[in-house]
Amino acid sequence: QVHMVESGGGLVQAGGSLRLSCAASGIISSINYMGWYRQAPGKQRELVAAITTGGSTNYAGSVKGRFTISRDNAENTVFLQMNNLKPEDAAVYYCGAGWGGVRYWGQGTQVTVSS
């Protein structure tokens, strides 16, 4: 079992920045993939960015050039630096982890962007 805890959400003005963190604990050897997903009201959960233990990354087209995902393998923590935030980025952001995909989810952290 792996437990995920997110932090760093909040309210920011359009154009501002936030940094999300997600710390994993438990059977860490069972995960090689960590990612950030988001879900806005009335919409499906979508991938924002993901990173593997080896450092390979994948981004949604809508956030490329604005968001950066990084990972501290020693601390089992993944970060999402979000710059130039837009109102359409507002959502609950979830951290997910697993082996090749998501098996474990965090509780989510709210990101609100005011225009």
C-alpha atoms as a PDB file:
ATOM      1  CA  GLN A   1       0.000   0.000   0.000  1.00  0.00           C
ATOM      2  CA  VAL A   2       1.141   3.537  -0.791  1.00  0.00           C
ATOM      3  CA  HIS A   3      -0.184   6.653   0.899  1.00  0.00           C
ATOM      4  CA  MET A   4      -0.097   9.964  -0.982  1.00  0.00           C
ATOM      5  CA  VAL A   5      -0.380  13.404   0.620  1.00  0.00           C
ATOM      6  CA  GLU A   6      -0.678  16.554  -1.489  1.00  0.00           C
ATOM      7  CA  SER A   7      -0.072  20.144  -0.436  1.00  0.00           C
ATOM      8  CA  GLY A   8       0.396  23.566  -1.959  1.00  0.00           C
ATOM      9  CA  GLY A   9      -2.970  24.393  -3.457  1.00  0.00           C
ATOM     10  CA  GLY A  10      -4.691  27.706  -2.910  1.00  0.00           C
ATOM     11  CA  LEU A  11      -6.033  30.871  -4.483  1.00  0.00           C
ATOM     12  CA  VAL A  12      -3.940  32.798  -6.980  1.00  0.00           C
ATOM     13  CA  GLN A  13      -4.574  35.536  -9.510  1.00  0.00           C
ATOM     14  CA  ALA A  14      -4.330  34.795 -13.201  1.00  0.00           C
ATOM     15  CA  GLY A  15      -0.705  34.987 -14.251  1.00  0.00           C
ATOM     16  CA  GLY A  16       0.501  33.894 -10.843  1.00  0.00           C
ATOM     17  CA  SER A  17       2.296  30.744  -9.717  1.00  0.00           C
ATOM     18  CA  LEU A  18       1.786  27.868  -7.343  1.00  0.00           C
ATOM     19  CA  ARG A  19       3.886  24.857  -6.429  1.00  0.00           C
ATOM     20  CA  LEU A  20       2.217  21.593  -5.522  1.00  0.00           C
ATOM     21  CA  SER A  21       3.925  18.827  -3.587  1.00  0.00           C
ATOM     22  CA  CYS A  22       3.015  15.187  -3.163  1.00  0.00           C
ATOM     23  CA  ALA A  23       4.760  12.923  -0.698  1.00  0.00           C
ATOM     24  CA  ALA A  24       4.458   9.164  -0.986  1.00  0.00           C
ATOM     25  CA  SER A  25       4.923   6.728   1.865  1.00  0.00           C
ATOM     26  CA  GLY A  26       4.537   2.982   2.207  1.00  0.00           C
ATOM     27  CA  ILE A  27       5.758   0.327  -0.218  1.00  0.00           C
ATOM     28  CA  ILE A  28       7.629   2.767  -2.463  1.00  0.00           C
ATOM     29  CA  SER A  29       9.258  -0.020  -4.475  1.00  0.00           C
ATOM     30  CA  SER A  30       5.822  -0.717  -5.948  1.00  0.00           C
ATOM     31  CA  ILE A  31       5.725   2.575  -7.844  1.00  0.00           C
ATOM     32  CA  ASN A  32       7.762   3.895 -10.760  1.00  0.00           C
ATOM     33  CA  TYR A  33       5.232   6.425 -12.019  1.00  0.00           C
ATOM     34  CA  MET A  34       3.925   9.556 -10.333  1.00  0.00           C
ATOM     35  CA  GLY A  35       1.661  12.096 -11.903  1.00  0.00           C
ATOM     36  CA  TRP A  36      -0.601  15.060 -11.353  1.00  0.00           C
ATOM     37  CA  TYR A  37      -4.172  14.984 -12.525  1.00  0.00           C
ATOM     38  CA  ARG A  38      -6.930  17.544 -12.208  1.00  0.00           C
ATOM     39  CA  GLN A  39     -10.693  17.551 -12.186  1.00  0.00           C
ATOM     40  CA  ALA A  40     -12.826  20.622 -12.670  1.00  0.00           C
ATOM     41  CA  PRO A  41     -16.546  20.661 -11.786  1.00  0.00           C
ATOM     42  CA  GLY A  42     -18.568  18.770 -14.372  1.00  0.00           C
ATOM     43  CA  LYS A  43     -15.484  17.476 -16.144  1.00  0.00           C
ATOM     44  CA  GLN A  44     -13.561  14.226 -16.158  1.00  0.00           C
ATOM     45  CA  ARG A  45     -10.268  13.843 -14.385  1.00  0.00           C
ATOM     46  CA  GLU A  46      -7.417  14.531 -16.779  1.00  0.00           C
ATOM     47  CA  LEU A  47      -3.673  14.083 -16.825  1.00  0.00           C
ATOM     48  CA  VAL A  48      -1.694  17.253 -16.236  1.00  0.00           C
ATOM     49  CA  ALA A  49       1.855  15.910 -16.034  1.00  0.00           C
ATOM     50  CA  ALA A  50       3.614  12.683 -15.153  1.00  0.00           C
ATOM     51  CA  ILE A  51       7.133  11.535 -14.426  1.00  0.00           C
ATOM     52  CA  THR A  52       8.807   8.162 -14.094  1.00  0.00           C
ATOM     53  CA  THR A  53      11.554   7.099 -11.731  1.00  0.00           C
ATOM     54  CA  GLY A  54      13.968   7.436 -14.650  1.00  0.00           C
ATOM     55  CA  GLY A  55      12.944  11.038 -15.203  1.00  0.00           C
ATOM     56  CA  SER A  56      10.812  10.718 -18.333  1.00  0.00           C
ATOM     57  CA  THR A  57       8.044  13.295 -18.375  1.00  0.00           C
ATOM     58  CA  ASN A  58       4.742  13.752 -20.128  1.00  0.00           C
ATOM     59  CA  TYR A  59       2.579  16.892 -20.183  1.00  0.00           C
ATOM     60  CA  ALA A  60      -0.897  17.796 -21.302  1.00  0.00           C
ATOM     61  CA  GLY A  61      -0.761  20.132 -24.259  1.00  0.00           C
ATOM     62  CA  SER A  62      -2.610  22.843 -22.372  1.00  0.00           C
ATOM     63  CA  VAL A  63       0.126  23.174 -19.740  1.00  0.00           C
ATOM     64  CA  LYS A  64       3.291  22.684 -21.778  1.00  0.00           C
ATOM     65  CA  GLY A  65       5.675  25.570 -21.273  1.00  0.00           C
ATOM     66  CA  ARG A  66       3.851  26.717 -18.126  1.00  0.00           C
ATOM     67  CA  PHE A  67       3.986  23.728 -15.761  1.00  0.00           C
ATOM     68  CA  THR A  68       7.009  21.689 -14.750  1.00  0.00           C
ATOM     69  CA  ILE A  69       6.923  18.336 -12.990  1.00  0.00           C
ATOM     70  CA  SER A  70       9.908  17.145 -10.996  1.00  0.00           C
ATOM     71  CA  ARG A  71      10.650  14.330  -8.619  1.00  0.00           C
ATOM     72  CA  ASP A  72      12.865  13.767  -5.610  1.00  0.00           C
ATOM     73  CA  ASN A  73      13.361  10.018  -5.587  1.00  0.00           C
ATOM     74  CA  ALA A  74      15.226  10.089  -2.299  1.00  0.00           C
ATOM     75  CA  GLU A  75      12.270  11.786  -0.609  1.00  0.00           C
ATOM     76  CA  ASN A  76       9.591   9.989  -2.673  1.00  0.00           C
ATOM     77  CA  THR A  77       8.115  13.359  -3.480  1.00  0.00           C
ATOM     78  CA  VAL A  78       6.819  14.803  -6.732  1.00  0.00           C
ATOM     79  CA  PHE A  79       6.364  18.509  -7.405  1.00  0.00           C
ATOM     80  CA  LEU A  80       4.345  20.503  -9.890  1.00  0.00           C
ATOM     81  CA  GLN A  81       5.515  24.055 -10.518  1.00  0.00           C
ATOM     82  CA  MET A  82       2.667  25.956 -12.133  1.00  0.00           C
ATOM     83  CA  ASN A  83       3.443  29.313 -13.724  1.00  0.00           C
ATOM     84  CA  ASN A  84       1.291  31.763 -15.654  1.00  0.00           C
ATOM     85  CA  LEU A  85      -1.855  30.205 -14.243  1.00  0.00           C
ATOM     86  CA  LYS A  86      -5.085  30.729 -16.136  1.00  0.00           C
ATOM     87  CA  PRO A  87      -8.695  30.594 -14.908  1.00  0.00           C
ATOM     88  CA  GLU A  88      -9.142  27.361 -16.856  1.00  0.00           C
ATOM     89  CA  ASP A  89      -6.432  25.746 -14.700  1.00  0.00           C
ATOM     90  CA  ALA A  90      -8.735  25.920 -11.681  1.00  0.00           C
ATOM     91  CA  ALA A  91      -9.580  22.428 -10.435  1.00  0.00           C
ATOM     92  CA  VAL A  92      -8.909  19.902  -7.731  1.00  0.00           C
ATOM     93  CA  TYR A  93      -5.431  18.550  -8.371  1.00  0.00           C
ATOM     94  CA  TYR A  94      -4.738  14.929  -7.491  1.00  0.00           C
ATOM     95  CA  CYS A  95      -1.478  13.110  -7.156  1.00  0.00           C
ATOM     96  CA  GLY A  96      -1.453   9.578  -8.527  1.00  0.00           C
ATOM     97  CA  ALA A  97       1.186   6.857  -8.394  1.00  0.00           C
ATOM     98  CA  GLY A  98       1.704   3.277  -9.425  1.00  0.00           C
ATOM     99  CA  TRP A  99       3.709   0.933 -11.602  1.00  0.00           C
ATOM    100  CA  GLY A 100       3.304   2.078 -15.200  1.00  0.00           C
ATOM    101  CA  GLY A 101       0.151   3.945 -14.307  1.00  0.00           C
ATOM    102  CA  VAL A 102      -1.958   5.072 -11.381  1.00  0.00           C
ATOM    103  CA  ARG A 103      -2.963   2.673  -8.659  1.00  0.00           C
ATOM    104  CA  TYR A 104      -2.892   5.008  -5.693  1.00  0.00           C
ATOM    105  CA  TRP A 105      -4.481   8.450  -5.334  1.00  0.00           C
ATOM    106  CA  GLY A 106      -4.055  11.320  -2.939  1.00  0.00           C
ATOM    107  CA  GLN A 107      -6.964  13.220  -1.451  1.00  0.00           C
ATOM    108  CA  GLY A 108      -6.611  16.194  -3.776  1.00  0.00           C
ATOM    109  CA  THR A 109      -5.792  19.857  -3.309  1.00  0.00           C
ATOM    110  CA  GLN A 110      -7.869  22.768  -4.601  1.00  0.00           C
ATOM    111  CA  VAL A 111      -6.381  25.283  -7.012  1.00  0.00           C
ATOM    112  CA  THR A 112      -8.445  28.415  -7.624  1.00  0.00           C
ATOM    113  CA  VAL A 113      -7.430  31.024 -10.193  1.00  0.00           C
ATOM    114  CA  SER A 114      -9.128  34.419 -10.173  1.00  0.00           C
ATOM    115  CA  SER A 115      -9.316  36.461 -13.336  1.00  0.00           C
END
